[in-house]
C-alpha atoms as a PDB file:
ATOM      1  CA  MET A   1      97.489  97.233  51.646  1.00  0.00           C
ATOM      2  CA  SER A   2      97.102 100.048  54.191  1.00  0.00           C
ATOM      3  CA  LEU A   3     100.052 101.889  55.700  1.00  0.00           C
ATOM      4  CA  SER A   4      99.155 100.533  59.154  1.00  0.00           C
ATOM      5  CA  SER A   5      99.211  96.965  57.834  1.00  0.00           C
ATOM      6  CA  ARG A   6     102.616  97.474  56.235  1.00  0.00           C
ATOM      7  CA  THR A   7     103.915  98.971  59.469  1.00  0.00           C
ATOM      8  CA  ASN A   8     102.701  95.975  61.471  1.00  0.00           C
ATOM      9  CA  ILE A   9     104.490  93.646  59.066  1.00  0.00           C
ATOM     10  CA  ALA A  10     107.758  95.490  59.523  1.00  0.00           C
ATOM     11  CA  LEU A  11     107.472  95.588  63.289  1.00  0.00           C
ATOM     12  CA  ALA A  12     106.635  91.902  63.531  1.00  0.00           C
ATOM     13  CA  LEU A  13     109.511  90.778  61.338  1.00  0.00           C
ATOM     14  CA  ALA A  14     111.923  93.029  63.207  1.00  0.00           C
ATOM     15  CA  ALA A  15     110.759  91.541  66.501  1.00  0.00           C
ATOM     16  CA  CYS A  16     111.362  88.033  65.227  1.00  0.00           C
ATOM     17  CA  LEU A  17     114.844  88.501  63.879  1.00  0.00           C
ATOM     18  CA  GLY A  18     116.368  91.240  66.036  1.00  0.00           C
ATOM     19  CA  CYS A  19     116.278  95.037  65.878  1.00  0.00           C
ATOM     20  CA  ALA A  20     118.212  97.909  67.454  1.00  0.00           C
ATOM     21  CA  THR A  21     117.459 100.694  69.904  1.00  0.00           C
ATOM     22  CA  PRO A  22     120.025 103.516  70.146  1.00  0.00           C
ATOM     23  CA  ALA A  23     122.355 103.630  73.128  1.00  0.00           C
ATOM     24  CA  PHE A  24     125.532 105.580  73.731  1.00  0.00           C
ATOM     25  CA  ALA A  25     128.293 104.130  75.915  1.00  0.00           C
ATOM     26  CA  ALA A  26     129.824 101.769  73.372  1.00  0.00           C
ATOM     27  CA  ALA A  27     129.418 104.287  70.564  1.00  0.00           C
ATOM     28  CA  GLU A  28     131.610 106.711  72.488  1.00  0.00           C
ATOM     29  CA  LYS A  29     134.424 104.118  72.409  1.00  0.00           C
ATOM     30  CA  ALA A  30     133.906 103.195  68.756  1.00  0.00           C
ATOM     31  CA  SER A  31     136.572 103.717  66.132  1.00  0.00           C
ATOM     32  CA  ILE A  32     136.465 103.495  62.356  1.00  0.00           C
ATOM     33  CA  ASP A  33     139.172 101.594  60.495  1.00  0.00           C
ATOM     34  CA  THR A  34     139.668 101.092  56.781  1.00  0.00           C
ATOM     35  CA  ILE A  35     139.969  97.371  56.149  1.00  0.00           C
ATOM     36  CA  ASP A  36     140.204  95.956  52.639  1.00  0.00           C
ATOM     37  CA  GLY A  37     139.178  99.357  51.286  1.00  0.00           C
ATOM     38  CA  ARG A  38     136.021  99.783  53.361  1.00  0.00           C
ATOM     39  CA  LYS A  39     135.211 101.502  56.633  1.00  0.00           C
ATOM     40  CA  VAL A  40     134.447  99.263  59.607  1.00  0.00           C
ATOM     41  CA  GLU A  41     133.066 100.670  62.866  1.00  0.00           C
ATOM     42  CA  SER A  42     134.027  98.717  65.975  1.00  0.00           C
ATOM     43  CA  VAL A  43     134.817  98.841  69.675  1.00  0.00           C
ATOM     44  CA  THR A  44     137.859  97.097  71.132  1.00  0.00           C
ATOM     45  CA  ILE A  45     138.594  97.227  74.857  1.00  0.00           C
ATOM     46  CA  ARG A  46     141.860  95.436  75.544  1.00  0.00           C
ATOM     47  CA  HIS A  47     142.702  93.628  78.747  1.00  0.00           C
ATOM     48  CA  PRO A  48     146.457  92.938  78.704  1.00  0.00           C
ATOM     49  CA  ALA A  49     146.215  89.970  81.064  1.00  0.00           C
ATOM     50  CA  SER A  50     143.336  88.314  79.217  1.00  0.00           C
ATOM     51  CA  LYS A  51     144.042  85.037  77.421  1.00  0.00           C
ATOM     52  CA  VAL A  52     140.858  85.223  75.321  1.00  0.00           C
ATOM     53  CA  VAL A  53     139.005  87.722  73.167  1.00  0.00           C
ATOM     54  CA  VAL A  54     135.234  87.928  73.591  1.00  0.00           C
ATOM     55  CA  VAL A  55     133.705  88.602  70.164  1.00  0.00           C
ATOM     56  CA  PHE A  56     130.149  89.901  69.850  1.00  0.00           C
ATOM     57  CA  GLU A  57     127.899  89.450  66.796  1.00  0.00           C
ATOM     58  CA  SER A  58     124.587  91.281  66.636  1.00  0.00           C
ATOM     59  CA  GLY A  59     121.261  90.118  65.320  1.00  0.00           C
ATOM     60  CA  LEU A  60     119.466  91.391  62.242  1.00  0.00           C
ATOM     61  CA  ARG A  61     119.399  95.203  62.323  1.00  0.00           C
ATOM     62  CA  GLY A  62     121.285  95.068  65.631  1.00  0.00           C
ATOM     63  CA  THR A  63     124.244  97.387  66.200  1.00  0.00           C
ATOM     64  CA  LEU A  64     127.123  97.402  68.637  1.00  0.00           C
ATOM     65  CA  GLU A  65     125.425  99.871  70.991  1.00  0.00           C
ATOM     66  CA  LYS A  66     123.050  97.124  72.110  1.00  0.00           C
ATOM     67  CA  TRP A  67     125.992  95.400  73.802  1.00  0.00           C
ATOM     68  CA  ASP A  68     126.940  98.446  75.941  1.00  0.00           C
ATOM     69  CA  LYS A  69     126.091  97.052  79.364  1.00  0.00           C
ATOM     70  CA  VAL A  70     127.538  93.632  78.578  1.00  0.00           C
ATOM     71  CA  LEU A  71     130.781  95.196  77.345  1.00  0.00           C
ATOM     72  CA  ASP A  72     131.006  97.231  80.536  1.00  0.00           C
ATOM     73  CA  ALA A  73     130.516  94.113  82.641  1.00  0.00           C
ATOM     74  CA  VAL A  74     132.954  91.859  80.755  1.00  0.00           C
ATOM     75  CA  SER A  75     135.787  94.259  79.822  1.00  0.00           C
ATOM     76  CA  PRO A  76     137.334  94.447  83.350  1.00  0.00           C
ATOM     77  CA  ASN A  77     138.181  90.739  82.988  1.00  0.00           C
ATOM     78  CA  ALA A  78     138.691  90.098  79.277  1.00  0.00           C
ATOM     79  CA  THR A  79     139.457  91.740  75.964  1.00  0.00           C
ATOM     80  CA  VAL A  80     136.196  92.501  74.159  1.00  0.00           C
ATOM     81  CA  PHE A  81     135.354  93.288  70.550  1.00  0.00           C
ATOM     82  CA  ALA A  82     132.045  94.393  69.024  1.00  0.00           C
ATOM     83  CA  TYR A  83     131.429  95.830  65.584  1.00  0.00           C
ATOM     84  CA  ASN A  84     128.860  96.889  63.037  1.00  0.00           C
ATOM     85  CA  ARG A  85     128.554  94.655  59.995  1.00  0.00           C
ATOM     86  CA  PRO A  86     128.812  96.229  56.517  1.00  0.00           C
ATOM     87  CA  GLY A  87     125.886  98.539  55.839  1.00  0.00           C
ATOM     88  CA  TYR A  88     125.169  99.241  59.520  1.00  0.00           C
ATOM     89  CA  VAL A  89     125.628 102.750  60.967  1.00  0.00           C
ATOM     90  CA  GLN A  90     129.129 103.915  59.915  1.00  0.00           C
ATOM     91  CA  SER A  91     130.370 100.622  58.455  1.00  0.00           C
ATOM     92  CA  ASP A  92     130.436 100.861  54.668  1.00  0.00           C
ATOM     93  CA  VAL A  93     127.988  98.945  52.537  1.00  0.00           C
ATOM     94  CA  THR A  94     129.575  96.110  50.588  1.00  0.00           C
ATOM     95  CA  ASP A  95     128.681  94.362  47.359  1.00  0.00           C
ATOM     96  CA  ALA A  96     129.893  91.059  48.820  1.00  0.00           C
ATOM     97  CA  PRO A  97     127.222  88.426  49.526  1.00  0.00           C
ATOM     98  CA  ARG A  98     125.402  88.717  52.867  1.00  0.00           C
ATOM     99  CA  ASP A  99     125.408  85.007  53.622  1.00  0.00           C
ATOM    100  CA  GLY A 100     126.911  83.685  56.842  1.00  0.00           C
ATOM    101  CA  ALA A 101     130.042  82.274  55.210  1.00  0.00           C
ATOM    102  CA  THR A 102     131.006  85.697  53.838  1.00  0.00           C
ATOM    103  CA  ILE A 103     130.125  87.461  57.082  1.00  0.00           C
ATOM    104  CA  VAL A 104     132.276  85.070  59.131  1.00  0.00           C
ATOM    105  CA  GLU A 105     135.257  85.525  56.818  1.00  0.00           C
ATOM    106  CA  GLN A 106     134.893  89.307  56.939  1.00  0.00           C
ATOM    107  CA  LEU A 107     134.733  89.176  60.736  1.00  0.00           C
ATOM    108  CA  ARG A 108     137.903  87.077  60.920  1.00  0.00           C
ATOM    109  CA  GLN A 109     139.626  89.549  58.602  1.00  0.00           C
ATOM    110  CA  VAL A 110     138.669  92.450  60.897  1.00  0.00           C
ATOM    111  CA  LEU A 111     139.901  90.543  63.960  1.00  0.00           C
ATOM    112  CA  ARG A 112     143.257  89.916  62.288  1.00  0.00           C
ATOM    113  CA  GLN A 113     143.540  93.547  61.223  1.00  0.00           C
ATOM    114  CA  LYS A 114     142.832  94.656  64.803  1.00  0.00           C
ATOM    115  CA  GLY A 115     145.506  92.318  66.133  1.00  0.00           C
ATOM    116  CA  LEU A 116     142.991  90.212  68.061  1.00  0.00           C
ATOM    117  CA  ALA A 117     144.230  86.640  67.968  1.00  0.00           C
ATOM    118  CA  PRO A 118     142.366  83.525  69.124  1.00  0.00           C
ATOM    119  CA  PRO A 119     141.211  81.851  71.245  1.00  0.00           C
ATOM    120  CA  TYR A 120     137.818  83.516  70.992  1.00  0.00           C
ATOM    121  CA  VAL A 121     134.696  83.338  73.090  1.00  0.00           C
ATOM    122  CA  LEU A 122     131.923  83.898  70.559  1.00  0.00           C
ATOM    123  CA  VAL A 123     128.737  85.648  71.652  1.00  0.00           C
ATOM    124  CA  GLY A 124     125.890  85.902  69.159  1.00  0.00           C
ATOM    125  CA  HIS A 125     122.391  87.321  69.459  1.00  0.00           C
ATOM    126  CA  SER A 126     119.530  86.104  67.261  1.00  0.00           C
ATOM    127  CA  LEU A 127     120.801  85.896  63.660  1.00  0.00           C
ATOM    128  CA  GLY A 128     124.268  86.701  65.013  1.00  0.00           C
ATOM    129  CA  GLY A 129     124.054  83.461  66.953  1.00  0.00           C
ATOM    130  CA  LEU A 130     123.629  81.541  63.703  1.00  0.00           C
ATOM    131  CA  TYR A 131     126.734  83.270  62.321  1.00  0.00           C
ATOM    132  CA  MET A 132     128.682  82.369  65.453  1.00  0.00           C
ATOM    133  CA  GLN A 133     127.649  78.721  65.145  1.00  0.00           C
ATOM    134  CA  LEU A 134     129.082  78.776  61.634  1.00  0.00           C
ATOM    135  CA  PHE A 135     132.300  80.407  62.885  1.00  0.00           C
ATOM    136  CA  ALA A 136     132.697  77.802  65.633  1.00  0.00           C
ATOM    137  CA  ARG A 137     131.963  74.823  63.369  1.00  0.00           C
ATOM    138  CA  ARG A 138     134.263  76.021  60.601  1.00  0.00           C
ATOM    139  CA  TYR A 139     137.137  77.116  62.861  1.00  0.00           C
ATOM    140  CA  PRO A 140     136.817  75.120  66.101  1.00  0.00           C
ATOM    141  CA  ASN A 141     140.536  75.451  66.873  1.00  0.00           C
ATOM    142  CA  GLU A 142     140.087  79.219  67.191  1.00  0.00           C
ATOM    143  CA  VAL A 143     137.190  79.042  69.630  1.00  0.00           C
ATOM    144  CA  GLN A 144     137.224  78.471  73.392  1.00  0.00           C
ATOM    145  CA  GLY A 145     133.465  78.560  73.783  1.00  0.00           C
ATOM    146  CA  ILE A 146     130.221  80.094  72.626  1.00  0.00           C
ATOM    147  CA  VAL A 147     127.255  81.935  74.159  1.00  0.00           C
ATOM    148  CA  LEU A 148     124.044  81.930  72.141  1.00  0.00           C
ATOM    149  CA  VAL A 149     121.682  84.744  73.129  1.00  0.00           C
ATOM    150  CA  ASP A 150     118.147  83.793  72.039  1.00  0.00           C
ATOM    151  CA  SER A 151     119.805  82.502  68.912  1.00  0.00           C
ATOM    152  CA  LEU A 152     118.414  81.556  65.556  1.00  0.00           C
ATOM    153  CA  MET A 153     119.141  77.919  64.759  1.00  0.00           C
ATOM    154  CA  PRO A 154     119.760  76.183  61.440  1.00  0.00           C
ATOM    155  CA  LYS A 155     116.668  75.072  59.517  1.00  0.00           C
ATOM    156  CA  MET A 156     114.352  77.323  61.552  1.00  0.00           C
ATOM    157  CA  MET A 157     113.985  79.937  58.794  1.00  0.00           C
ATOM    158  CA  LYS A 158     112.109  79.226  55.592  1.00  0.00           C
ATOM    159  CA  LYS A 159     113.593  79.719  52.152  1.00  0.00           C
ATOM    160  CA  PRO A 160     113.245  83.338  50.954  1.00  0.00           C
ATOM    161  CA  GLU A 161     110.830  82.333  48.217  1.00  0.00           C
ATOM    162  CA  SER A 162     108.662  80.470  50.745  1.00  0.00           C
ATOM    163  CA  LEU A 163     108.069  83.484  52.988  1.00  0.00           C
ATOM    164  CA  PRO A 164     104.482  84.762  52.939  1.00  0.00           C
ATOM    165  CA  LEU A 165     103.819  87.509  50.397  1.00  0.00           C
ATOM    166  CA  THR A 166     103.068  90.064  53.123  1.00  0.00           C
ATOM    167  CA  THR A 167     106.395  89.351  54.795  1.00  0.00           C
ATOM    168  CA  ARG A 168     108.288  89.734  51.509  1.00  0.00           C
ATOM    169  CA  ILE A 169     106.502  93.009  50.813  1.00  0.00           C
ATOM    170  CA  GLY A 170     107.335  94.253  54.312  1.00  0.00           C
ATOM    171  CA  LYS A 171     110.989  93.351  53.836  1.00  0.00           C
ATOM    172  CA  GLN A 172     111.192  95.362  50.628  1.00  0.00           C
ATOM    173  CA  LEU A 173     109.294  98.371  51.959  1.00  0.00           C
ATOM    174  CA  PHE A 174     110.800  98.803  55.398  1.00  0.00           C
ATOM    175  CA  PHE A 175     114.233  97.213  55.521  1.00  0.00           C
ATOM    176  CA  SER A 176     117.461  98.376  53.924  1.00  0.00           C
ATOM    177  CA  GLY A 177     119.001  96.493  51.036  1.00  0.00           C
ATOM    178  CA  THR A 178     121.682  95.145  53.372  1.00  0.00           C
ATOM    179  CA  VAL A 179     119.119  93.791  55.834  1.00  0.00           C
ATOM    180  CA  GLY A 180     117.043  92.289  53.036  1.00  0.00           C
ATOM    181  CA  ARG A 181     120.093  90.478  51.657  1.00  0.00           C
ATOM    182  CA  GLU A 182     120.903  89.129  55.116  1.00  0.00           C
ATOM    183  CA  ILE A 183     117.354  87.791  55.437  1.00  0.00           C
ATOM    184  CA  ASP A 184     117.658  86.129  52.041  1.00  0.00           C
ATOM    185  CA  GLY A 185     120.870  84.423  53.174  1.00  0.00           C
ATOM    186  CA  ILE A 186     119.534  82.920  56.404  1.00  0.00           C
ATOM    187  CA  TYR A 187     118.254  79.642  54.970  1.00  0.00           C
ATOM    188  CA  ASP A 188     121.475  78.838  53.101  1.00  0.00           C
ATOM    189  CA  THR A 189     123.564  79.820  56.121  1.00  0.00           C
ATOM    190  CA  GLY A 190     121.581  77.387  58.250  1.00  0.00           C
ATOM    191  CA  GLU A 191     122.113  74.614  55.726  1.00  0.00           C
ATOM    192  CA  ILE A 192     125.875  75.213  55.799  1.00  0.00           C
ATOM    193  CA  VAL A 193     125.888  75.138  59.610  1.00  0.00           C
ATOM    194  CA  ALA A 194     123.907  71.893  59.708  1.00  0.00           C
ATOM    195  CA  ALA A 195     126.257  70.205  57.225  1.00  0.00           C
ATOM    196  CA  LEU A 196     129.476  70.990  59.123  1.00  0.00           C
ATOM    197  CA  PRO A 197     130.909  68.796  61.900  1.00  0.00           C
ATOM    198  CA  GLY A 198     129.328  69.289  65.308  1.00  0.00           C
ATOM    199  CA  ILE A 199     130.789  71.303  68.179  1.00  0.00           C
ATOM    200  CA  ASP A 200     129.333  69.375  71.109  1.00  0.00           C
ATOM    201  CA  HIS A 201     132.801  69.151  72.672  1.00  0.00           C
ATOM    202  CA  MET A 202     132.913  72.929  72.952  1.00  0.00           C
ATOM    203  CA  PRO A 203     131.713  74.806  76.075  1.00  0.00           C
ATOM    204  CA  MET A 204     128.400  76.387  75.149  1.00  0.00           C
ATOM    205  CA  ILE A 205     125.633  78.237  76.961  1.00  0.00           C
ATOM    206  CA  LYS A 206     122.264  78.784  75.326  1.00  0.00           C
ATOM    207  CA  LEU A 207     120.262  81.676  76.767  1.00  0.00           C
ATOM    208  CA  ILE A 208     116.642  81.092  75.825  1.00  0.00           C
ATOM    209  CA  ASN A 209     113.981  83.760  76.151  1.00  0.00           C
ATOM    210  CA  VAL A 210     110.752  82.484  77.695  1.00  0.00           C
ATOM    211  CA  PRO A 211     108.783  85.544  78.867  1.00  0.00           C
ATOM    212  CA  LYS A 212     106.286  84.994  81.654  1.00  0.00           C
ATOM    213  CA  SER A 213     104.186  88.045  80.922  1.00  0.00           C
ATOM    214  CA  ALA A 214     100.617  87.260  79.900  1.00  0.00           C
ATOM    215  CA  THR A 215     100.902  89.957  77.237  1.00  0.00           C
ATOM    216  CA  ALA A 216     103.925  88.349  75.553  1.00  0.00           C
ATOM    217  CA  ILE A 217     102.676  87.105  72.192  1.00  0.00           C
ATOM    218  CA  PRO A 218     105.155  85.317  69.897  1.00  0.00           C
ATOM    219  CA  VAL A 219     104.949  86.369  66.263  1.00  0.00           C
ATOM    220  CA  ASP A 220     106.906  85.154  63.264  1.00  0.00           C
ATOM    221  CA  PHE A 221     104.727  86.238  60.331  1.00  0.00           C
ATOM    222  CA  GLY A 222     105.127  82.833  58.767  1.00  0.00           C
ATOM    223  CA  ALA A 223     108.907  83.135  58.539  1.00  0.00           C
ATOM    224  CA  PHE A 224     109.783  80.022  60.545  1.00  0.00           C
ATOM    225  CA  ASN A 225     109.385  76.299  60.035  1.00  0.00           C
ATOM    226  CA  ARG A 226     107.133  74.708  62.665  1.00  0.00           C
ATOM    227  CA  ASP A 227     106.900  71.194  61.265  1.00  0.00           C
ATOM    228  CA  PRO A 228     107.690  68.273  63.620  1.00  0.00           C
ATOM    229  CA  ALA A 229     110.897  67.287  61.818  1.00  0.00           C
ATOM    230  CA  THR A 230     112.374  70.788  62.130  1.00  0.00           C
ATOM    231  CA  VAL A 231     111.305  71.125  65.744  1.00  0.00           C
ATOM    232  CA  ALA A 232     112.932  67.767  66.564  1.00  0.00           C
ATOM    233  CA  PHE A 233     116.114  68.729  64.725  1.00  0.00           C
ATOM    234  CA  VAL A 234     116.444  72.036  66.575  1.00  0.00           C
ATOM    235  CA  ARG A 235     115.727  70.444  69.954  1.00  0.00           C
ATOM    236  CA  GLY A 236     118.394  67.852  69.284  1.00  0.00           C
ATOM    237  CA  LEU A 237     121.126  70.381  68.594  1.00  0.00           C
ATOM    238  CA  TYR A 238     123.930  70.810  71.128  1.00  0.00           C
ATOM    239  CA  PRO A 239     122.846  68.245  73.733  1.00  0.00           C
ATOM    240  CA  ASN A 240     125.832  69.084  75.936  1.00  0.00           C
ATOM    241  CA  ALA A 241     125.140  72.811  76.034  1.00  0.00           C
ATOM    242  CA  LYS A 242     124.021  74.429  79.265  1.00  0.00           C
ATOM    243  CA  LYS A 243     120.538  75.853  78.741  1.00  0.00           C
ATOM    244  CA  VAL A 244     119.427  78.889  80.743  1.00  0.00           C
ATOM    245  CA  ILE A 245     115.782  79.987  80.558  1.00  0.00           C
ATOM    246  CA  VAL A 246     115.422  83.750  80.945  1.00  0.00           C
ATOM    247  CA  ASP A 247     112.257  85.766  81.603  1.00  0.00           C
ATOM    248  CA  SER A 248     113.131  88.550  79.194  1.00  0.00           C
ATOM    249  CA  ASP A 249     112.367  89.786  75.726  1.00  0.00           C
ATOM    250  CA  HIS A 250     114.228  89.047  72.520  1.00  0.00           C
ATOM    251  CA  GLN A 251     116.662  91.905  73.159  1.00  0.00           C
ATOM    252  CA  MET A 252     118.060  90.012  76.138  1.00  0.00           C
ATOM    253  CA  HIS A 253     121.503  91.602  75.984  1.00  0.00           C
ATOM    254  CA  SER A 254     120.012  95.028  76.710  1.00  0.00           C
ATOM    255  CA  ALA A 255     117.052  93.917  78.865  1.00  0.00           C
ATOM    256  CA  ASN A 256     119.041  91.457  81.025  1.00  0.00           C
ATOM    257  CA  PRO A 257     122.727  92.201  80.424  1.00  0.00           C
ATOM    258  CA  GLU A 258     123.754  90.636  83.729  1.00  0.00           C
ATOM    259  CA  VAL A 259     122.550  87.225  82.521  1.00  0.00           C
ATOM    260  CA  VAL A 260     124.596  87.482  79.331  1.00  0.00           C
ATOM    261  CA  ALA A 261     127.673  88.723  81.220  1.00  0.00           C
ATOM    262  CA  LYS A 262     127.452  85.825  83.679  1.00  0.00           C
ATOM    263  CA  ALA A 263     127.232  83.298  80.845  1.00  0.00           C
ATOM    264  CA  ILE A 264     130.349  84.798  79.254  1.00  0.00           C
ATOM    265  CA  ALA A 265     132.204  84.658  82.575  1.00  0.00           C
ATOM    266  CA  ASP A 266     131.211  81.008  82.949  1.00  0.00           C
ATOM    267  CA  ILE A 267     132.565  80.177  79.481  1.00  0.00           C
ATOM    268  CA  ILE A 268     135.814  82.056  80.126  1.00  0.00           C
ATOM    269  CA  GLY A 269     136.269  80.053  83.305  1.00  0.00           C
ATOM    270  CA  ALA A 270     135.395  76.727  81.693  1.00  0.00           C
ATOM    271  CA  ARG A 271     139.016  75.941  80.824  1.00  0.00           C
END
C-alpha cells in the first residue's frame, strides 16, 4: 500500500468520526487538575446565577479548543464545562477501557470533583454525541436536556472486526492508541445505548449536517451500517426531538457555532 493511499484512509476516517483543528481561546482558560491520580485538562466558566451546567463532549480526536466560539456565546448566560478526555492533549492517558460506559463515569467523576452539580445540559459532537446519549439514558434525573451536534447514533458503526481491512490498517498506522481504543468501543457503546430506556420525554435538539455544496462528498470507508433495518432504527430514534438541518460540515461547532449556541439556549429555556 502506498503512502498516499494510507494517508487517504486516515483522512477519510477522521472526517467520518470527528477530528480537531487547533484554536486558542478556550485553551487560554484551561486548567489541569489531578483527579483519581491522573491529570485532566478542562475549562470551566462559572455563571453564579445559572441553574444549569452546560457540559460539552467532543468527537473522536476532538479537543476542547473546537468549542471556543460556542463557549464564548453560552458562558454569559450559563455555567459551561469542556474537557479533554484521557489521552488527549494534556489529559493523561489511562489504562481504563475506552468504551462509552467508562467515559461517562469518568466524566461524572470530573464534574463532581469540579463542584459542578446537575442539572446538566449535555452537548455532544459526533462520537461525543453517542456518549451523551448514554449519559442521558443512564442518568436521566441529572439531565435537563441534550443537544446532538451531527451525532453518531447507536448501531450506525460496524463491529471493529467487520471494518474493512484498509480502514483497520489506517487506524493502526495513523491514530493514537487512545483513539484506536475509542473506535473499537463504538459498537458496544451503541448497543448499551440502544438497550437502555428511552429519553423521548427529555428536551432534545438534533443538529444534522446536510451540506449543499456540490463538492461535498460523504465518505465512511465502509465503517457504517447502511442496511435498511439500521437506517430505519436510526430514523426512528427520538421522535420528539427537534431536528435542525444545517448547511455546514461535520465540524459544525467551529464552522457554525451560532447554530449550536442557539440550540443550547433553546434547551436551557425549555423548562
